[in-house]
Protein backbone atom coordinates (compact mmCIF):
# COMPACT_ATOMS: atom_id res chain seq x y z
CA MET A 1 82.94 196.78 63.35
CA ALA A 2 81.49 195.25 60.18
CA LEU A 3 79.84 197.89 58.01
CA MET A 4 79.94 196.94 54.35
CA GLY A 5 78.39 193.53 53.80
CA SER A 6 76.16 193.80 56.86
CA ILE A 7 72.88 191.89 56.69
CA PRO A 8 69.65 193.48 58.02
CA ARG A 9 67.06 191.44 59.91
CA ARG A 10 64.55 192.17 57.16
CA CYS A 11 64.74 193.71 53.71
CA VAL A 12 61.63 195.53 52.52
CA ASN A 13 60.83 194.30 49.02
CA LEU A 14 59.55 197.24 46.96
CA PRO A 15 59.53 196.98 43.16
CA PRO A 16 61.47 199.35 40.89
CA GLY A 17 59.35 202.44 40.28
CA ALA A 18 57.67 202.37 43.70
CA LEU A 19 58.67 205.93 44.59
CA ARG A 20 57.66 207.15 41.14
CA ARG A 21 54.19 205.60 41.58
CA LEU A 22 53.90 207.13 45.04
CA ILE A 23 54.73 210.63 43.80
CA GLY A 24 52.60 210.17 40.67
CA CYS A 25 49.49 209.15 42.63
CA ALA A 26 50.00 212.04 45.04
CA ALA A 27 50.29 214.52 42.16
CA ALA A 28 47.32 213.08 40.24
CA GLY A 29 45.01 212.84 43.25
CA THR A 30 44.66 209.06 42.91
CA VAL A 31 46.08 208.01 46.27
CA GLN A 32 42.72 206.82 47.61
CA GLU A 33 40.66 205.95 44.53
CA GLY A 34 41.55 205.17 40.96
CA PRO A 35 41.61 202.58 38.16
CA ALA A 36 44.25 200.35 39.75
CA LEU A 37 41.79 199.03 42.35
CA ASP A 38 39.70 196.95 39.97
CA ALA A 39 42.72 196.04 37.88
CA PHE A 40 44.65 194.69 40.87
CA SER A 41 41.73 192.64 42.18
CA ARG A 42 41.28 191.15 38.73
CA ARG A 43 44.99 190.44 38.19
CA PHE A 44 45.52 189.01 41.66
CA ALA A 45 42.48 186.75 41.19
CA GLU A 46 43.87 185.54 37.85
CA TRP A 47 47.29 184.91 39.40
CA LEU A 48 45.72 182.87 42.20
CA ASN A 49 43.25 181.24 39.78
CA VAL A 50 40.26 182.10 41.96
CA PRO A 51 37.06 183.96 40.98
CA TYR A 52 36.95 186.67 43.65
CA VAL A 53 39.47 188.92 45.38
CA PHE A 54 38.65 191.81 47.71
CA GLY A 55 41.21 194.27 49.04
CA ALA A 56 41.49 195.78 52.51
CA ALA A 57 43.74 198.40 54.08
CA SER A 58 45.89 195.86 55.95
CA GLY A 59 46.36 192.14 56.47
CA ARG A 60 44.65 192.35 59.86
CA GLU A 61 41.67 194.07 58.29
CA ALA A 62 41.61 191.46 55.54
CA PHE A 63 41.23 188.79 58.23
CA GLN A 64 38.42 190.77 59.81
CA LEU A 65 36.80 191.10 56.39
CA ALA A 66 37.08 187.31 56.01
CA LEU A 67 35.32 186.70 59.32
CA GLU A 68 32.60 189.29 58.69
CA SER A 69 31.99 187.79 55.23
CA SER A 70 32.07 184.17 56.33
CA GLY A 71 28.51 183.83 57.58
CA LEU A 72 29.88 182.09 60.68
CA GLU A 73 27.54 182.26 63.68
CA LYS A 74 28.83 184.37 66.57
CA GLY A 75 29.95 182.37 69.57
CA LYS A 76 31.33 179.53 67.46
CA GLU A 77 34.79 178.16 68.18
CA ILE A 78 37.59 178.75 65.69
CA ILE A 79 40.59 176.43 65.88
CA PHE A 80 43.90 178.30 65.55
CA PRO A 81 47.45 176.97 65.60
CA SER A 82 48.78 177.75 69.06
CA PHE A 83 51.92 179.26 67.52
CA THR A 84 50.80 182.23 65.46
CA PHE A 85 50.61 186.02 65.33
CA PRO A 86 48.45 186.77 68.39
CA VAL A 87 46.49 189.61 66.80
CA MET A 88 44.69 187.05 64.60
CA PRO A 89 42.88 185.18 67.41
CA MET A 90 42.38 188.51 69.18
CA VAL A 91 40.44 189.81 66.17
CA ALA A 92 38.26 186.70 66.29
CA LYS A 93 37.64 187.20 70.01
CA LEU A 94 36.74 190.88 69.58
CA LEU A 95 34.26 189.90 66.85
CA GLY A 96 32.45 187.47 69.16
CA TYR A 97 34.11 184.14 68.34
CA LYS A 98 35.98 181.80 70.68
CA PRO A 99 39.57 181.00 69.65
CA VAL A 100 40.84 177.58 70.73
CA PHE A 101 44.39 176.42 70.11
CA CYS A 102 45.82 173.20 68.74
CA ASP A 103 49.40 171.96 68.80
CA VAL A 104 51.85 172.58 65.98
CA ASP A 105 54.63 170.49 64.52
CA PRO A 106 57.87 171.56 66.26
CA LYS A 107 59.84 171.22 63.02
CA THR A 108 57.57 173.01 60.54
CA PHE A 109 55.77 175.31 63.05
CA ASN A 110 52.50 174.44 61.27
CA SER A 111 49.45 172.48 62.40
CA GLY A 112 48.20 169.43 60.57
CA PRO A 113 44.96 167.42 60.70
CA GLU A 114 46.39 165.30 63.52
CA HIS A 115 46.59 168.43 65.67
CA ILE A 116 43.23 169.90 64.63
CA LYS A 117 40.98 166.82 64.74
CA PRO A 118 41.06 166.28 68.56
CA LEU A 119 39.59 169.77 69.13
CA ILE A 120 36.63 169.45 66.77
CA ASN A 121 33.29 169.29 68.58
CA GLU A 122 29.69 170.49 68.17
CA ARG A 123 30.75 174.07 69.01
CA THR A 124 33.43 174.22 66.31
CA GLY A 125 32.58 176.48 63.39
CA ALA A 126 35.87 177.08 61.58
CA VAL A 127 39.54 176.21 61.29
CA LEU A 128 42.33 178.65 60.47
CA ALA A 129 45.15 176.91 58.59
CA THR A 130 48.37 178.94 58.74
CA HIS A 131 51.35 178.66 56.39
CA LEU A 132 53.99 179.96 58.78
CA PHE A 133 57.30 181.56 57.75
CA GLY A 134 56.52 180.78 54.09
CA GLN A 135 56.13 176.99 54.38
CA PRO A 136 52.78 175.46 53.46
CA CYS A 137 50.93 173.41 56.04
CA ALA A 138 49.29 170.10 55.12
CA ILE A 139 46.48 172.07 53.50
CA GLN A 140 45.08 169.27 51.32
CA GLU A 141 44.60 166.97 54.30
CA ILE A 142 43.20 169.82 56.44
CA SER A 143 40.77 170.67 53.64
CA GLU A 144 39.54 167.06 53.55
CA LEU A 145 39.08 167.10 57.32
CA THR A 146 37.06 170.33 57.35
CA ARG A 147 34.85 169.18 54.47
CA LYS A 148 34.15 165.95 56.30
CA HIS A 149 33.04 167.87 59.40
CA LYS A 150 31.33 170.65 57.40
CA LEU A 151 33.52 173.36 58.90
CA LEU A 152 34.56 176.68 57.41
CA LEU A 153 38.24 176.67 56.39
CA LEU A 154 40.23 179.89 56.33
CA GLU A 155 43.86 180.09 55.22
CA ASP A 156 46.32 182.55 56.72
CA CYS A 157 48.67 183.25 53.81
CA ALA A 158 50.34 186.33 55.30
CA HIS A 159 53.74 184.59 55.00
CA ALA A 160 52.93 182.56 51.91
CA CYS A 161 52.01 184.74 48.94
CA GLY A 162 53.15 182.71 45.96
CA VAL A 163 53.41 179.31 47.65
CA ARG A 164 51.94 176.49 45.58
CA VAL A 165 50.99 172.97 46.55
CA ASP A 166 50.85 170.57 43.59
CA GLY A 167 50.66 173.61 41.33
CA ARG A 168 47.76 175.23 43.20
CA SER A 169 48.16 178.48 45.12
CA VAL A 170 47.67 178.47 48.86
CA GLY A 171 44.68 180.59 49.76
CA THR A 172 42.51 178.71 47.29
CA PHE A 173 42.12 175.39 49.14
CA GLY A 174 39.84 176.74 51.85
CA ASP A 175 36.69 178.84 51.77
CA ILE A 176 38.66 182.08 52.22
CA GLY A 177 42.36 182.87 51.80
CA VAL A 178 43.80 185.86 53.68
CA PHE A 179 46.86 187.76 52.39
CA SER A 180 48.98 190.56 53.83
CA PHE A 181 50.95 193.18 51.90
CA ALA A 182 52.66 194.75 54.92
CA GLU A 183 56.26 195.95 54.69
CA GLY A 184 57.61 192.85 56.46
CA LYS A 185 56.05 190.43 53.96
CA ASN A 186 57.36 189.29 50.59
CA MET A 187 54.91 191.39 48.51
CA PRO A 188 54.54 194.77 50.24
CA CYS A 189 52.16 197.27 48.64
CA PHE A 190 52.68 200.24 50.99
CA GLY A 191 50.53 198.15 53.32
CA GLY A 192 47.28 196.47 52.43
CA GLY A 193 45.77 193.02 52.40
CA ALA A 194 43.23 190.93 50.52
CA ILE A 195 40.93 187.94 50.74
CA ALA A 196 40.33 185.38 48.01
CA THR A 197 37.34 183.10 47.65
CA ALA A 198 35.46 180.93 45.17
CA ASN A 199 32.25 181.06 47.21
CA GLU A 200 29.58 183.34 45.73
CA ASP A 201 27.80 183.89 49.05
CA ILE A 202 31.04 184.89 50.77
CA ALA A 203 31.85 187.20 47.86
CA ARG A 204 28.43 188.85 48.11
CA ARG A 205 28.83 189.42 51.85
CA ALA A 206 32.35 190.81 51.33
CA GLN A 207 30.97 193.31 48.82
CA GLU A 208 28.33 194.34 51.35
CA VAL A 209 30.93 194.87 54.09
CA LEU A 210 33.17 196.91 51.81
CA SER A 211 30.25 198.99 50.51
CA LYS A 212 29.96 200.41 54.04
CA ALA A 213 33.72 200.76 54.59
CA SER A 214 35.75 203.90 54.08
CA ILE A 215 39.23 204.44 52.65
CA PRO A 216 41.89 205.77 55.05
CA GLY A 217 42.64 209.47 54.64
CA LYS A 218 45.04 210.60 51.93
CA GLY A 219 47.49 212.05 54.44
CA LYS A 220 47.58 208.84 56.47
CA ILE A 221 48.19 206.73 53.37
CA LEU A 222 50.97 208.98 52.11
CA LYS A 223 52.66 209.16 55.51
CA LYS A 224 52.66 205.38 55.78
CA SER A 225 53.86 204.96 52.20
CA PHE A 226 56.81 207.32 52.60
CA PHE A 227 57.70 205.58 55.87
CA ILE A 228 57.72 202.19 54.13
CA TRP A 229 59.80 203.60 51.29
CA MET A 230 62.32 204.88 53.85
CA LEU A 231 62.39 201.40 55.41
CA TRP A 232 63.10 200.01 51.95
CA LEU A 233 66.05 202.40 51.59
CA LEU A 234 67.45 201.71 55.06
CA THR A 235 67.23 197.94 54.57
CA ARG A 236 69.36 197.93 51.42
CA PRO A 237 72.43 196.08 52.75
CA GLU A 238 74.84 198.77 51.56
CA VAL A 239 72.78 201.53 53.23
CA PHE A 240 71.99 199.49 56.35
CA GLY A 241 75.69 198.96 57.00
CA VAL A 242 76.42 202.69 57.40
CA THR A 243 73.16 203.81 59.05
CA VAL A 244 71.11 201.37 61.13
CA TYR A 245 73.86 198.85 61.82
CA PRO A 246 76.15 201.26 63.74
CA ALA A 247 73.15 202.33 65.84
CA LEU A 248 72.40 198.69 66.67
CA ARG A 249 76.02 198.07 67.64
CA LEU A 250 75.91 201.09 69.94
CA LYS A 251 72.70 199.82 71.54
CA LEU A 252 74.32 196.42 72.03
CA LEU A 253 77.34 198.05 73.67
CA LEU A 254 75.09 200.06 76.02
CA GLY A 255 72.87 197.09 76.82
CA GLN A 256 69.76 198.71 75.30
CA PRO A 257 66.89 196.98 73.43
CA LEU A 258 67.66 196.30 69.78
CA MET A 259 64.74 198.09 68.10
CA ASP A 260 62.33 195.23 68.72
CA SER A 261 58.59 195.59 68.19
CA GLU A 262 55.94 194.72 70.76
CA VAL A 263 55.18 191.01 71.04
CA GLY A 264 52.93 188.69 73.04
CA ASN A 265 50.97 190.15 75.94
CA GLU A 266 52.50 193.58 75.36
CA LEU A 267 51.24 193.60 71.76
CA LEU A 268 47.76 192.39 72.74
CA GLY A 269 47.56 194.94 75.53
CA THR A 270 47.90 197.67 72.91
CA PHE A 271 45.44 196.07 70.47
CA ALA A 272 42.78 194.70 72.81
CA GLY A 273 41.36 198.11 73.67
CA SER A 274 40.95 199.09 70.02
CA ASN A 275 37.78 199.07 67.97
CA PRO A 276 38.97 197.24 64.85
CA ARG A 277 37.27 198.17 61.60
CA VAL A 278 37.62 197.21 57.98
CA HIS A 279 38.85 199.87 55.56
CA LYS A 280 39.19 199.56 51.81
CA LEU A 281 42.43 199.05 49.93
CA ALA A 282 43.78 202.34 48.53
CA ASN A 283 44.47 202.92 44.83
CA LEU A 284 48.15 203.64 45.60
CA GLN A 285 48.44 200.24 47.29
CA ALA A 286 46.80 198.60 44.28
CA GLU A 287 49.26 200.38 41.96
CA LEU A 288 52.12 198.78 43.88
CA GLY A 289 50.32 195.44 43.80
CA LEU A 290 50.21 195.50 40.01
CA LEU A 291 53.96 196.12 39.89
CA GLN A 292 54.61 193.38 42.43
CA LEU A 293 52.62 190.73 40.56
CA GLY A 294 55.04 191.02 37.66
CA ARG A 295 58.03 190.05 39.80
CA ILE A 296 56.89 188.15 42.89
CA ASP A 297 57.51 184.66 41.48
CA ALA A 298 61.09 185.54 40.55
CA PHE A 299 61.59 187.17 43.95
CA ASN A 300 60.36 184.05 45.75
CA GLU A 301 62.70 181.88 43.71
CA GLY A 302 65.60 184.13 44.71
CA ALA A 303 64.72 183.66 48.38
CA ARG A 304 64.54 179.88 47.86
CA ARG A 305 67.99 179.94 46.25
CA ASN A 306 69.56 181.86 49.13
CA ALA A 307 67.83 179.60 51.66
CA ARG A 308 69.22 176.51 49.93
CA ILE A 309 72.73 177.97 50.10
CA LEU A 310 72.36 178.78 53.80
CA SER A 311 70.82 175.41 54.66
CA GLU A 312 73.58 173.57 52.80
CA SER A 313 76.25 175.58 54.63
CA LEU A 314 74.64 174.64 57.96
CA ASP A 315 74.17 170.96 57.16
CA GLY A 316 75.18 168.81 60.13
CA ILE A 317 75.54 171.74 62.51
CA THR A 318 74.70 171.09 66.16
CA GLY A 319 73.09 173.54 68.54
CA ILE A 320 71.20 175.49 65.85
CA GLY A 321 68.06 174.18 64.16
CA ILE A 322 67.25 175.14 60.58
CA PRO A 323 63.87 175.15 58.78
CA SER A 324 62.29 171.87 57.79
CA THR A 325 61.10 171.44 54.21
CA LYS A 326 59.15 168.23 54.64
CA THR A 327 55.85 169.79 53.51
CA GLY A 328 57.08 170.84 50.09
CA ASP A 329 57.30 174.36 48.68
CA HIS A 330 58.84 177.00 50.96
CA ILE A 331 59.47 180.63 50.03
CA TYR A 332 61.28 181.62 53.24
CA VAL A 333 59.53 184.91 53.90
CA TYR A 334 61.34 184.40 57.19
CA TYR A 335 64.15 181.89 57.81
CA PRO A 336 63.77 180.78 61.44
CA LEU A 337 66.77 179.53 63.39
CA THR A 338 66.10 177.66 66.63
CA VAL A 339 68.44 177.46 69.60
CA ASP A 340 68.14 176.74 73.28
CA PRO A 341 66.18 179.70 74.73
CA SER A 342 68.98 180.37 77.21
CA GLN A 343 71.38 180.91 74.29
CA ARG A 344 69.21 182.95 71.92
CA ASN A 345 70.38 186.37 73.09
CA GLU A 346 73.99 185.21 73.15
CA LEU A 347 73.74 184.03 69.54
CA ARG A 348 71.99 187.22 68.50
CA SER A 349 74.71 189.37 70.03
CA TYR A 350 77.43 187.24 68.42
CA MET A 351 75.81 187.60 65.01
CA LEU A 352 75.40 191.36 65.40
CA ARG A 353 79.07 191.76 66.32
CA HIS A 354 79.83 189.99 63.03
CA GLY A 355 77.63 192.24 60.92
CA ILE A 356 74.41 190.21 60.92
CA ASP A 357 71.20 191.51 62.43
CA ALA A 358 68.64 188.91 63.51
CA LYS A 359 65.07 189.37 64.66
CA ILE A 360 63.14 187.88 67.54
CA THR A 361 59.90 186.46 66.20
CA ASP A 362 56.52 188.21 66.31
CA MET A 363 54.87 184.80 66.73
CA SER A 364 53.73 183.58 70.15
CA ASP A 365 52.36 180.46 71.79
CA CYS A 366 48.95 182.07 72.14
CA SER A 367 47.73 179.38 74.54
CA LEU A 368 50.00 180.97 77.15
CA LEU A 369 48.93 184.57 76.61
CA GLU A 370 46.69 186.24 79.17
CA PRO A 371 43.60 186.89 76.99
CA PHE A 372 43.45 183.25 75.82
CA ARG A 373 44.37 181.16 78.85
CA GLU A 374 40.80 179.96 79.37
CA GLN A 375 40.54 179.04 75.67
CA ALA A 376 43.77 177.12 75.24
CA GLY A 377 42.17 173.81 74.20
CA GLY A 378 42.65 170.33 75.62
CA SER A 379 44.50 169.73 78.86
CA LYS A 380 46.89 167.28 77.16
CA ARG A 381 48.22 169.85 74.71
CA GLN A 382 51.97 169.96 74.22
CA GLY A 383 51.83 173.66 73.43
CA GLY A 384 53.65 175.49 70.68
CA PRO A 385 57.32 176.13 70.03
CA LYS A 386 58.93 178.55 72.45
CA GLU A 387 59.27 181.95 70.82
CA ALA A 388 62.33 182.55 73.02
CA SER A 389 64.12 179.84 71.01
CA ILE A 390 63.66 181.48 67.59
CA LEU A 391 65.73 184.01 65.67
CA GLU A 392 64.64 185.08 62.20
CA VAL A 393 67.23 185.94 59.56
CA CYS A 394 66.68 187.38 56.09
CA VAL A 395 67.50 185.41 52.94
CA TYR A 396 65.87 187.73 50.40
CA PRO A 397 67.59 187.89 46.99
CA VAL A 398 68.83 191.45 47.58
CA ILE A 399 71.42 189.79 49.84
CA SER A 400 74.35 188.47 47.84
CA GLU A 401 75.38 184.82 47.74
CA LYS A 402 78.70 185.86 49.28
CA SER A 403 76.91 187.41 52.25
CA ILE A 404 74.67 184.35 52.69
CA ARG A 405 77.73 182.09 52.76
CA ARG A 406 79.37 184.37 55.32
CA LEU A 407 76.18 184.17 57.42
CA GLY A 408 76.52 180.39 57.36
CA GLN A 409 80.16 180.64 58.43
CA VAL A 410 79.30 182.94 61.35
CA LEU A 411 76.59 180.58 62.59
CA ARG A 412 78.84 177.56 62.27
CA SER A 413 81.68 179.30 64.14
CA TRP A 414 79.33 180.14 67.02
CA ALA A 415 78.05 176.57 67.19
CA GLN A 416 81.56 175.14 67.15
CA ALA A 417 82.71 177.54 69.87
């Protein structure tokens, strides 16, 4: 049983001093409100080179804030990539909009103007451009298309904080950029999210929405923050190998589920009955954001470096697909491997037996999910990639080059066998 050198499915990226900030805010009574809130919004806006940034308690709530601030008429259609996190179109549906789904490129997992254009009609009000797994979509071309048709353009940058296209940050090409600071993303802030915009009317409406919003309770924020800090600790490779990894191996031996989160219809079944609201970003989350902004570019470059090493070690392999980079910058918040769906679980088990944990994706072909079947778009759609074909592996810089090369060797040995 591999213990030392094991690779977790995800590594939570907290900056040095995170626990000290957590304890300090708790002791000073600045968990909910404090000076970091304005400072983070200002610094994040400067880093993105955009006039306005507004924080929210989560990435999902940031997307809701974007829709409530957009001025988009209720009942309008919003074009989503079919392959996305299903909570996003569910939020739009709960707010009174109609999600419709376009195809995505099977190599990049992103939609381009060629996928979006056929669905534009007189009922279309907005397009959501998603930069999935950390790779930018063809955002410049999509922006030109939406301007031509006078449509609102939103950018889902949950996987893409720090991605730049021709030197310009994603999230600034459309009318509103949406960011997530959840523990699974590259810039966690004990949770949280934000929107970015250059539109004064949208900024004014966002201020109005937030003026009526509350901040989550201190106890709830602290509980979540300590939980995320514990996840950070348990996902250090050296700690993971002697704690979580043996538990996963035991579950594999007993034929039990491997600590997977809810996905697809199961996830939407939990969320659909909720009453989603927007809450404000907490001061503690903003404190972490300020720390993160000083290191996120270097962190992203470390992930790119590890991804290059892994991709080079898998060059020419058959039976396992690796991420495409044909649309430029890629920060590999997740590194998706693709295999035949009938072999995914076999590969996952093989990797786990060799010390490597892999994750099934949270993304779904939303056009096939129960709440959206009547809104799936044109009858000639090809649909999205099959989530059952995807395994996500972690290439964050906390994982050593030696471990990344061993990961490549394990994948190549499975493919050759």
